[in-house]
Amino acid sequence: MKKKNKHLGPIMSGKQDKNTLFAELCRALETMGFDLRVNGSHHIYTKEGIPEILNVQPDDNMAKPYQVKQVRELIKKYNLEAENE
């Protein structure tokens, strides 16, 4: 993968959904230009031009596998890339 997409590599591979750190998932969303709002343990990500809202929560320090899959599907659906690395 290109250097600018280094945070997206593990998410896009689909092989590490159970081993993705929550911080890595959040960092990937932020590099794609998503805005963050936190409500308790819920990290709510929105992006102008994308109607879906991503609501992710940590499982200790890991991302929940089904949420990693949701992020991957959203990236594919809208052909998103990192904006600010």
C-alpha atoms as a PDB file:
ATOM      1  CA  MET A   1       0.000   0.000   0.000  1.00  0.00           C
ATOM      2  CA  LYS A   2       1.006   3.581  -0.488  1.00  0.00           C
ATOM      3  CA  LYS A   3       2.595   5.326   2.459  1.00  0.00           C
ATOM      4  CA  LYS A   4      -0.347   7.714   2.853  1.00  0.00           C
ATOM      5  CA  ASN A   5      -2.653   4.723   3.388  1.00  0.00           C
ATOM      6  CA  LYS A   6      -0.611   2.960   6.083  1.00  0.00           C
ATOM      7  CA  HIS A   7      -3.419   3.227   8.652  1.00  0.00           C
ATOM      8  CA  LEU A   8      -5.910   1.724   6.236  1.00  0.00           C
ATOM      9  CA  GLY A   9      -3.841  -1.362   5.329  1.00  0.00           C
ATOM     10  CA  PRO A  10      -4.761  -3.584   8.289  1.00  0.00           C
ATOM     11  CA  ILE A  11      -8.405  -2.535   8.118  1.00  0.00           C
ATOM     12  CA  MET A  12      -8.698  -3.137   4.394  1.00  0.00           C
ATOM     13  CA  SER A  13      -6.986  -6.533   4.523  1.00  0.00           C
ATOM     14  CA  GLY A  14      -9.902  -8.091   6.407  1.00  0.00           C
ATOM     15  CA  LYS A  15      -7.499 -10.519   8.088  1.00  0.00           C
ATOM     16  CA  GLN A  16      -6.991  -8.662  11.349  1.00  0.00           C
ATOM     17  CA  ASP A  17     -10.498  -7.610  12.371  1.00  0.00           C
ATOM     18  CA  LYS A  18     -10.128  -9.325  15.766  1.00  0.00           C
ATOM     19  CA  ASN A  19      -6.647  -7.858  16.310  1.00  0.00           C
ATOM     20  CA  THR A  20      -7.251  -4.213  15.380  1.00  0.00           C
ATOM     21  CA  LEU A  21      -6.499  -1.723  18.114  1.00  0.00           C
ATOM     22  CA  PHE A  22      -9.285   0.765  18.765  1.00  0.00           C
ATOM     23  CA  ALA A  23      -6.803   3.647  18.492  1.00  0.00           C
ATOM     24  CA  GLU A  24      -5.767   2.424  15.011  1.00  0.00           C
ATOM     25  CA  LEU A  25      -9.392   2.355  13.860  1.00  0.00           C
ATOM     26  CA  CYS A  26      -9.948   5.886  15.161  1.00  0.00           C
ATOM     27  CA  ARG A  27      -6.713   7.146  13.606  1.00  0.00           C
ATOM     28  CA  ALA A  28      -7.727   5.670  10.230  1.00  0.00           C
ATOM     29  CA  LEU A  29     -11.107   7.430  10.340  1.00  0.00           C
ATOM     30  CA  GLU A  30      -9.488  10.720  11.299  1.00  0.00           C
ATOM     31  CA  THR A  31      -6.959  10.495   8.440  1.00  0.00           C
ATOM     32  CA  MET A  32      -9.894  10.175   6.044  1.00  0.00           C
ATOM     33  CA  GLY A  33     -11.358  13.448   7.306  1.00  0.00           C
ATOM     34  CA  PHE A  34     -14.096  12.161   9.617  1.00  0.00           C
ATOM     35  CA  ASP A  35     -15.151  14.466  12.445  1.00  0.00           C
ATOM     36  CA  LEU A  36     -15.249  12.983  15.945  1.00  0.00           C
ATOM     37  CA  ARG A  37     -17.797  13.499  18.698  1.00  0.00           C
ATOM     38  CA  VAL A  38     -17.464  11.501  21.926  1.00  0.00           C
ATOM     39  CA  ASN A  39     -20.417  10.607  24.136  1.00  0.00           C
ATOM     40  CA  GLY A  40     -19.211   8.388  26.981  1.00  0.00           C
ATOM     41  CA  SER A  41     -17.479   5.396  25.402  1.00  0.00           C
ATOM     42  CA  HIS A  42     -19.177   6.028  22.044  1.00  0.00           C
ATOM     43  CA  HIS A  43     -16.964   7.602  19.414  1.00  0.00           C
ATOM     44  CA  ILE A  44     -19.268   9.024  16.754  1.00  0.00           C
ATOM     45  CA  TYR A  45     -17.739   9.822  13.371  1.00  0.00           C
ATOM     46  CA  THR A  46     -19.378  11.869  10.646  1.00  0.00           C
ATOM     47  CA  LYS A  47     -18.148  13.228   7.341  1.00  0.00           C
ATOM     48  CA  GLU A  48     -19.709  15.776   5.041  1.00  0.00           C
ATOM     49  CA  GLY A  49     -21.103  14.104   1.937  1.00  0.00           C
ATOM     50  CA  ILE A  50     -21.496  10.701   3.616  1.00  0.00           C
ATOM     51  CA  PRO A  51     -24.953  10.044   5.081  1.00  0.00           C
ATOM     52  CA  GLU A  52     -23.858   7.132   7.292  1.00  0.00           C
ATOM     53  CA  ILE A  53     -22.796   7.826  10.865  1.00  0.00           C
ATOM     54  CA  LEU A  54     -20.174   5.541  12.404  1.00  0.00           C
ATOM     55  CA  ASN A  55     -20.639   4.786  16.093  1.00  0.00           C
ATOM     56  CA  VAL A  56     -17.718   2.771  17.455  1.00  0.00           C
ATOM     57  CA  GLN A  57     -16.866   1.698  20.998  1.00  0.00           C
ATOM     58  CA  PRO A  58     -13.722   0.082  22.358  1.00  0.00           C
ATOM     59  CA  ASP A  59     -13.664  -3.439  23.768  1.00  0.00           C
ATOM     60  CA  ASP A  60     -10.906  -2.773  26.298  1.00  0.00           C
ATOM     61  CA  ASN A  61      -8.239  -1.377  23.929  1.00  0.00           C
ATOM     62  CA  MET A  62      -9.377  -3.366  20.878  1.00  0.00           C
ATOM     63  CA  ALA A  63     -11.875  -2.461  18.166  1.00  0.00           C
ATOM     64  CA  LYS A  64     -14.916  -4.679  17.854  1.00  0.00           C
ATOM     65  CA  PRO A  65     -14.529  -6.905  14.761  1.00  0.00           C
ATOM     66  CA  TYR A  66     -17.966  -6.095  13.352  1.00  0.00           C
ATOM     67  CA  GLN A  67     -17.181  -2.375  13.587  1.00  0.00           C
ATOM     68  CA  VAL A  68     -13.891  -2.838  11.714  1.00  0.00           C
ATOM     69  CA  LYS A  69     -15.921  -4.574   8.994  1.00  0.00           C
ATOM     70  CA  GLN A  70     -18.416  -1.683   8.928  1.00  0.00           C
ATOM     71  CA  VAL A  71     -15.578   0.796   8.459  1.00  0.00           C
ATOM     72  CA  ARG A  72     -14.041  -1.326   5.678  1.00  0.00           C
ATOM     73  CA  GLU A  73     -17.384  -1.525   3.852  1.00  0.00           C
ATOM     74  CA  LEU A  74     -17.861   2.245   4.145  1.00  0.00           C
ATOM     75  CA  ILE A  75     -14.360   2.876   2.762  1.00  0.00           C
ATOM     76  CA  LYS A  76     -15.111   0.626  -0.213  1.00  0.00           C
ATOM     77  CA  LYS A  77     -18.586   2.049  -0.799  1.00  0.00           C
ATOM     78  CA  TYR A  78     -17.350   5.653  -0.979  1.00  0.00           C
ATOM     79  CA  ASN A  79     -13.830   4.909  -2.288  1.00  0.00           C
ATOM     80  CA  LEU A  80     -12.251   6.834   0.605  1.00  0.00           C
ATOM     81  CA  GLU A  81      -8.555   7.515   1.086  1.00  0.00           C
ATOM     82  CA  ALA A  82      -6.434   9.184   3.723  1.00  0.00           C
ATOM     83  CA  GLU A  83      -6.462  12.976   3.442  1.00  0.00           C
ATOM     84  CA  ASN A  84      -3.991  14.315   5.943  1.00  0.00           C
ATOM     85  CA  GLU A  85      -0.910  12.225   6.646  1.00  0.00           C
END
